[in-house]
Amino acid sequence: MIKFFRKIRQNLLSEGKTGKYFKYAIGEIILVVIGILIALQINNFNNDKKQRDSEQAYLQSLQIEFKSNLIKINDCIIENEKQIIAAEKMLTLFDNNIRDTISDSAISGIMHSIFAGQATYKPSIGVLTDIISSGNLNLIQNKQLRQGLASFESHLDFLKVQENGTRSVKDEMTSLLNKNGSIRKVLIDRGLHFEHQSISDTVNNKRLFDLIEFENNLLDYYLIIKAANGPRFFGGIKEQIKLVLSDIDSELKK
């Protein structure tokens, strides 16, 4: 094709048709520019299609990941609610009139609920981490979704501070239990059998509820876990997950 155009130009020059030569040359340049623009447009279209395909793949993976996280946060909220109820029951035991009406076994059951569990949120963030670390977050076109994904890990860091605070207060309560009560007594009342006797078999855990320090630690723990289900912690993360999932659903339906 290039040889064909060159031959035409040479013929125009040899025939002395300079004006037509320049017009033809300009027309040829215009055709080349148009060809380049078309090629660029096709290349941009192909690149856009690849990016949109990558975005759709990421959105589908994120949808699976955040649906799993929604289940986990709901389980966490339920577990934390159980802790709140158990703490409320334990707080009543500081009233002698109530404590004297409750059996040692029932008290051990309440204590076991407090000391054996803690609501800890461990989300799956493998896909999210990959998107952010690879610099592909900009593939997500929806601005609100992009911002929600970018800020999710910072919310988890804030929650981690709360969880560490809860653990610290519980460690203090455990220390008081170790010094003034009997873990063995709690386990026996929960059905665990020990082959040999122990010096702690005669310890009555009711005396823990005569300690102001133990009550203060329990109150601290209660206030922390009660706040945890609110909008700043578990509740807030749940709402963010639901918003991310809503945005993902909208994008996948386009």
Protein backbone atom coordinates (compact mmCIF):
# COMPACT_ATOMS: atom_id res chain seq x y z
CA MET A 1 0.00 0.00 0.00
CA ILE A 2 2.86 2.38 0.84
CA LYS A 3 4.55 1.61 -2.50
CA PHE A 4 1.25 2.33 -4.27
CA PHE A 5 0.96 5.80 -2.70
CA ARG A 6 4.65 6.51 -3.35
CA LYS A 7 4.22 5.67 -7.04
CA ILE A 8 1.27 8.05 -7.35
CA ARG A 9 3.31 10.86 -5.78
CA GLN A 10 6.24 10.18 -8.12
CA ASN A 11 3.97 10.26 -11.17
CA LEU A 12 2.49 13.62 -10.07
CA LEU A 13 5.96 15.10 -9.65
CA SER A 14 7.19 13.73 -12.98
CA GLU A 15 4.18 15.23 -14.72
CA GLY A 16 4.87 18.62 -13.07
CA LYS A 17 1.64 18.61 -11.16
CA THR A 18 3.10 20.10 -8.00
CA GLY A 19 -0.21 21.51 -6.71
CA LYS A 20 -1.94 18.19 -6.99
CA TYR A 21 1.10 16.54 -5.38
CA PHE A 22 0.86 18.69 -2.25
CA LYS A 23 -2.90 18.20 -2.03
CA TYR A 24 -2.44 14.48 -2.36
CA ALA A 25 0.35 14.48 0.23
CA ILE A 26 -1.82 16.39 2.69
CA GLY A 27 -4.70 14.02 2.07
CA GLU A 28 -2.38 11.08 2.65
CA ILE A 29 -1.21 12.59 5.96
CA ILE A 30 -4.83 13.09 7.01
CA LEU A 31 -5.58 9.45 6.20
CA VAL A 32 -2.57 8.31 8.24
CA VAL A 33 -3.65 10.47 11.20
CA ILE A 34 -7.18 9.10 10.97
CA GLY A 35 -5.76 5.58 10.90
CA ILE A 36 -3.67 6.27 14.00
CA LEU A 37 -6.67 7.76 15.82
CA ILE A 38 -8.80 4.74 14.95
CA ALA A 39 -6.04 2.39 16.15
CA LEU A 40 -5.76 4.35 19.41
CA GLN A 41 -9.51 4.23 19.88
CA ILE A 42 -9.56 0.48 19.33
CA ASN A 43 -6.63 0.08 21.77
CA ASN A 44 -8.39 2.24 24.38
CA PHE A 45 -11.58 0.24 23.89
CA ASN A 46 -9.70 -3.01 24.41
CA ASN A 47 -7.96 -1.62 27.51
CA ASP A 48 -11.26 -0.37 28.93
CA LYS A 49 -12.82 -3.78 28.32
CA LYS A 50 -9.95 -5.51 30.11
CA GLN A 51 -10.29 -3.11 33.06
CA ARG A 52 -14.06 -3.63 33.23
CA ASP A 53 -13.57 -7.40 33.10
CA SER A 54 -11.03 -7.13 35.94
CA GLU A 55 -13.43 -4.91 37.90
CA GLN A 56 -16.26 -7.42 37.51
CA ALA A 57 -14.00 -10.25 38.69
CA TYR A 58 -12.94 -8.22 41.72
CA LEU A 59 -16.54 -7.27 42.50
CA GLN A 60 -17.66 -10.89 42.42
CA SER A 61 -14.80 -11.93 44.74
CA LEU A 62 -15.50 -9.00 47.06
CA GLN A 63 -19.17 -9.92 47.18
CA ILE A 64 -18.30 -13.43 48.40
CA GLU A 65 -15.78 -12.07 50.93
CA PHE A 66 -18.09 -9.42 52.39
CA LYS A 67 -21.07 -11.78 52.58
CA SER A 68 -18.84 -14.03 54.69
CA ASN A 69 -17.84 -11.02 56.80
CA LEU A 70 -21.49 -10.11 57.33
CA ILE A 71 -22.18 -13.58 58.72
CA LYS A 72 -19.13 -13.30 60.98
CA ILE A 73 -20.09 -9.88 62.34
CA ASN A 74 -23.65 -11.08 63.03
CA ASP A 75 -22.25 -14.07 64.94
CA CYS A 76 -19.96 -11.69 66.81
CA ILE A 77 -22.84 -9.41 67.79
CA ILE A 78 -24.86 -12.41 69.02
CA GLU A 79 -21.92 -13.68 71.09
CA ASN A 80 -21.35 -10.22 72.52
CA GLU A 81 -25.03 -9.99 73.46
CA LYS A 82 -24.67 -13.25 75.38
CA GLN A 83 -21.72 -11.72 77.23
CA ILE A 84 -23.79 -8.65 78.07
CA ILE A 85 -26.59 -10.79 79.52
CA ALA A 86 -24.11 -12.88 81.52
CA ALA A 87 -22.43 -9.73 82.88
CA GLU A 88 -25.81 -8.32 83.92
CA LYS A 89 -26.60 -11.55 85.76
CA MET A 90 -23.21 -11.54 87.47
CA LEU A 91 -23.64 -7.94 88.59
CA THR A 92 -26.78 -8.94 90.51
CA LEU A 93 -24.67 -11.34 92.57
CA PHE A 94 -23.14 -8.42 94.45
CA ASP A 95 -26.54 -8.10 96.16
CA ASN A 96 -26.42 -10.47 99.14
CA ASN A 97 -30.19 -11.00 99.03
CA ILE A 98 -29.96 -12.27 95.45
CA ARG A 99 -26.68 -14.19 95.82
CA ASP A 100 -27.97 -16.20 98.76
CA THR A 101 -30.87 -17.51 96.69
CA ILE A 102 -28.65 -18.82 93.87
CA SER A 103 -26.84 -22.16 94.01
CA ASP A 104 -23.09 -22.53 93.67
CA SER A 105 -23.63 -24.44 90.45
CA ALA A 106 -25.70 -21.61 88.95
CA ILE A 107 -23.05 -19.08 89.95
CA SER A 108 -20.37 -21.22 88.31
CA GLY A 109 -22.48 -21.30 85.16
CA ILE A 110 -22.65 -17.49 85.05
CA MET A 111 -18.92 -17.18 85.72
CA HIS A 112 -18.12 -19.71 83.01
CA SER A 113 -20.14 -17.67 80.49
CA ILE A 114 -18.06 -14.60 81.31
CA PHE A 115 -14.59 -16.10 81.51
CA ALA A 116 -14.85 -18.70 78.76
CA GLY A 117 -15.96 -16.42 75.95
CA GLN A 118 -15.32 -13.12 74.24
CA ALA A 119 -16.72 -11.72 71.02
CA THR A 120 -13.75 -11.32 68.66
CA TYR A 121 -14.24 -10.29 65.04
CA LYS A 122 -11.85 -11.89 62.54
CA PRO A 123 -12.95 -10.84 59.04
CA SER A 124 -11.71 -12.21 55.73
CA ILE A 125 -9.86 -9.45 53.89
CA GLY A 126 -7.67 -11.38 51.43
CA VAL A 127 -9.36 -10.02 48.30
CA LEU A 128 -9.55 -6.49 49.69
CA THR A 129 -5.87 -6.54 50.69
CA ASP A 130 -4.88 -7.80 47.24
CA ILE A 131 -6.82 -5.02 45.49
CA ILE A 132 -5.32 -2.28 47.66
CA SER A 133 -1.73 -3.59 47.75
CA SER A 134 -1.67 -4.14 43.97
CA GLY A 135 -2.86 -0.59 43.30
CA ASN A 136 -5.99 -1.83 41.55
CA LEU A 137 -8.51 -0.06 43.77
CA ASN A 138 -8.99 2.55 41.02
CA LEU A 139 -10.49 -0.19 38.85
CA ILE A 140 -13.60 0.20 41.02
CA GLN A 141 -15.58 2.93 39.24
CA ASN A 142 -18.16 3.55 41.95
CA LYS A 143 -16.65 6.31 44.11
CA GLN A 144 -18.70 5.48 47.23
CA LEU A 145 -17.78 1.81 46.99
CA ARG A 146 -14.12 2.66 46.43
CA GLN A 147 -14.09 4.88 49.53
CA GLY A 148 -15.90 2.23 51.60
CA LEU A 149 -13.33 -0.40 50.65
CA ALA A 150 -10.40 1.95 51.29
CA SER A 151 -11.62 2.82 54.82
CA PHE A 152 -12.66 -0.68 55.90
CA GLU A 153 -9.31 -1.71 57.34
CA SER A 154 -9.04 1.51 59.38
CA HIS A 155 -12.36 0.61 61.05
CA LEU A 156 -10.91 -2.81 61.87
CA ASP A 157 -7.88 -1.16 63.47
CA PHE A 158 -10.20 0.94 65.64
CA LEU A 159 -12.12 -2.19 66.62
CA LYS A 160 -8.87 -3.94 67.51
CA VAL A 161 -8.17 -1.22 70.08
CA GLN A 162 -11.59 -1.88 71.63
CA GLU A 163 -11.02 -5.63 71.68
CA ASN A 164 -7.64 -5.17 73.35
CA GLY A 165 -9.30 -3.00 76.00
CA THR A 166 -11.91 -5.69 76.62
CA ARG A 167 -9.22 -8.33 76.92
CA SER A 168 -7.22 -6.22 79.34
CA VAL A 169 -10.20 -5.74 81.69
CA LYS A 170 -11.04 -9.44 81.50
CA ASP A 171 -7.43 -10.30 82.35
CA GLU A 172 -7.75 -8.21 85.51
CA MET A 173 -10.94 -10.08 86.48
CA THR A 174 -9.21 -13.39 85.79
CA SER A 175 -6.33 -12.32 88.02
CA LEU A 176 -8.77 -11.61 90.86
CA LEU A 177 -10.42 -15.00 90.29
CA ASN A 178 -7.03 -16.71 90.44
CA LYS A 179 -6.15 -14.96 93.72
CA ASN A 180 -9.50 -15.16 95.50
CA GLY A 181 -11.54 -17.90 93.88
CA SER A 182 -11.35 -21.32 92.28
CA ILE A 183 -11.37 -22.03 88.56
CA ARG A 184 -11.45 -25.72 89.45
CA LYS A 185 -14.75 -25.16 91.29
CA VAL A 186 -16.25 -23.56 88.19
CA LEU A 187 -15.12 -26.47 86.00
CA ILE A 188 -16.41 -29.10 88.43
CA ASP A 189 -19.81 -27.42 88.59
CA ARG A 190 -19.81 -27.37 84.77
CA GLY A 191 -19.41 -31.17 84.74
CA LEU A 192 -15.65 -31.65 84.45
CA HIS A 193 -14.39 -34.58 86.57
CA PHE A 194 -11.01 -34.55 88.33
CA GLU A 195 -9.53 -37.81 89.55
CA HIS A 196 -7.84 -36.35 92.62
CA GLN A 197 -8.89 -33.93 95.32
CA SER A 198 -7.47 -30.42 95.63
CA ILE A 199 -7.02 -27.72 98.26
CA SER A 200 -9.33 -25.51 96.18
CA ASP A 201 -12.27 -27.92 96.50
CA THR A 202 -13.41 -26.14 99.64
CA VAL A 203 -13.18 -22.65 98.12
CA ASN A 204 -16.51 -20.89 97.63
CA ASN A 205 -16.53 -18.46 94.71
CA LYS A 206 -19.29 -16.44 96.37
CA ARG A 207 -16.63 -14.57 98.31
CA LEU A 208 -15.51 -12.92 95.05
CA PHE A 209 -18.69 -10.88 95.23
CA ASP A 210 -17.57 -9.27 98.44
CA LEU A 211 -14.69 -7.61 96.59
CA ILE A 212 -15.25 -4.04 95.41
CA GLU A 213 -12.32 -4.40 93.00
CA PHE A 214 -13.96 -7.38 91.34
CA GLU A 215 -17.23 -5.47 90.99
CA ASN A 216 -15.43 -2.45 89.51
CA ASN A 217 -13.64 -4.61 86.93
CA LEU A 218 -16.88 -6.34 86.03
CA LEU A 219 -18.60 -2.98 85.58
CA ASP A 220 -15.77 -1.80 83.32
CA TYR A 221 -16.11 -4.98 81.28
CA TYR A 222 -19.88 -4.61 81.07
CA LEU A 223 -19.72 -1.03 79.84
CA ILE A 224 -17.11 -1.89 77.19
CA ILE A 225 -18.98 -4.86 75.73
CA LYS A 226 -22.31 -3.03 75.86
CA ALA A 227 -20.80 -0.21 73.80
CA ALA A 228 -19.23 -2.73 71.41
CA ASN A 229 -22.56 -3.55 69.75
CA GLY A 230 -23.15 0.14 69.08
CA PRO A 231 -22.46 2.22 65.96
CA ARG A 232 -18.78 2.81 66.76
CA PHE A 233 -17.75 -0.84 66.88
CA PHE A 234 -19.55 -4.04 65.80
CA GLY A 235 -22.71 -2.19 64.79
CA GLY A 236 -20.77 0.33 62.72
CA ILE A 237 -18.78 -2.34 60.91
CA LYS A 238 -21.97 -4.25 60.16
CA GLU A 239 -23.52 -1.16 58.56
CA GLN A 240 -20.39 -0.55 56.51
CA ILE A 241 -20.40 -4.15 55.27
CA LYS A 242 -24.06 -3.86 54.30
CA LEU A 243 -23.35 -0.62 52.42
CA VAL A 244 -20.40 -2.18 50.56
CA LEU A 245 -22.54 -5.18 49.60
CA SER A 246 -25.33 -2.89 48.41
CA ASP A 247 -22.92 -0.94 46.20
CA ILE A 248 -21.40 -4.15 44.84
CA ASP A 249 -24.85 -5.53 43.99
CA SER A 250 -25.71 -2.30 42.15
CA GLU A 251 -22.50 -2.43 40.13
CA LEU A 252 -22.89 -6.11 39.21
CA LYS A 253 -26.44 -5.48 37.97
CA LYS A 254 -25.32 -2.80 35.51
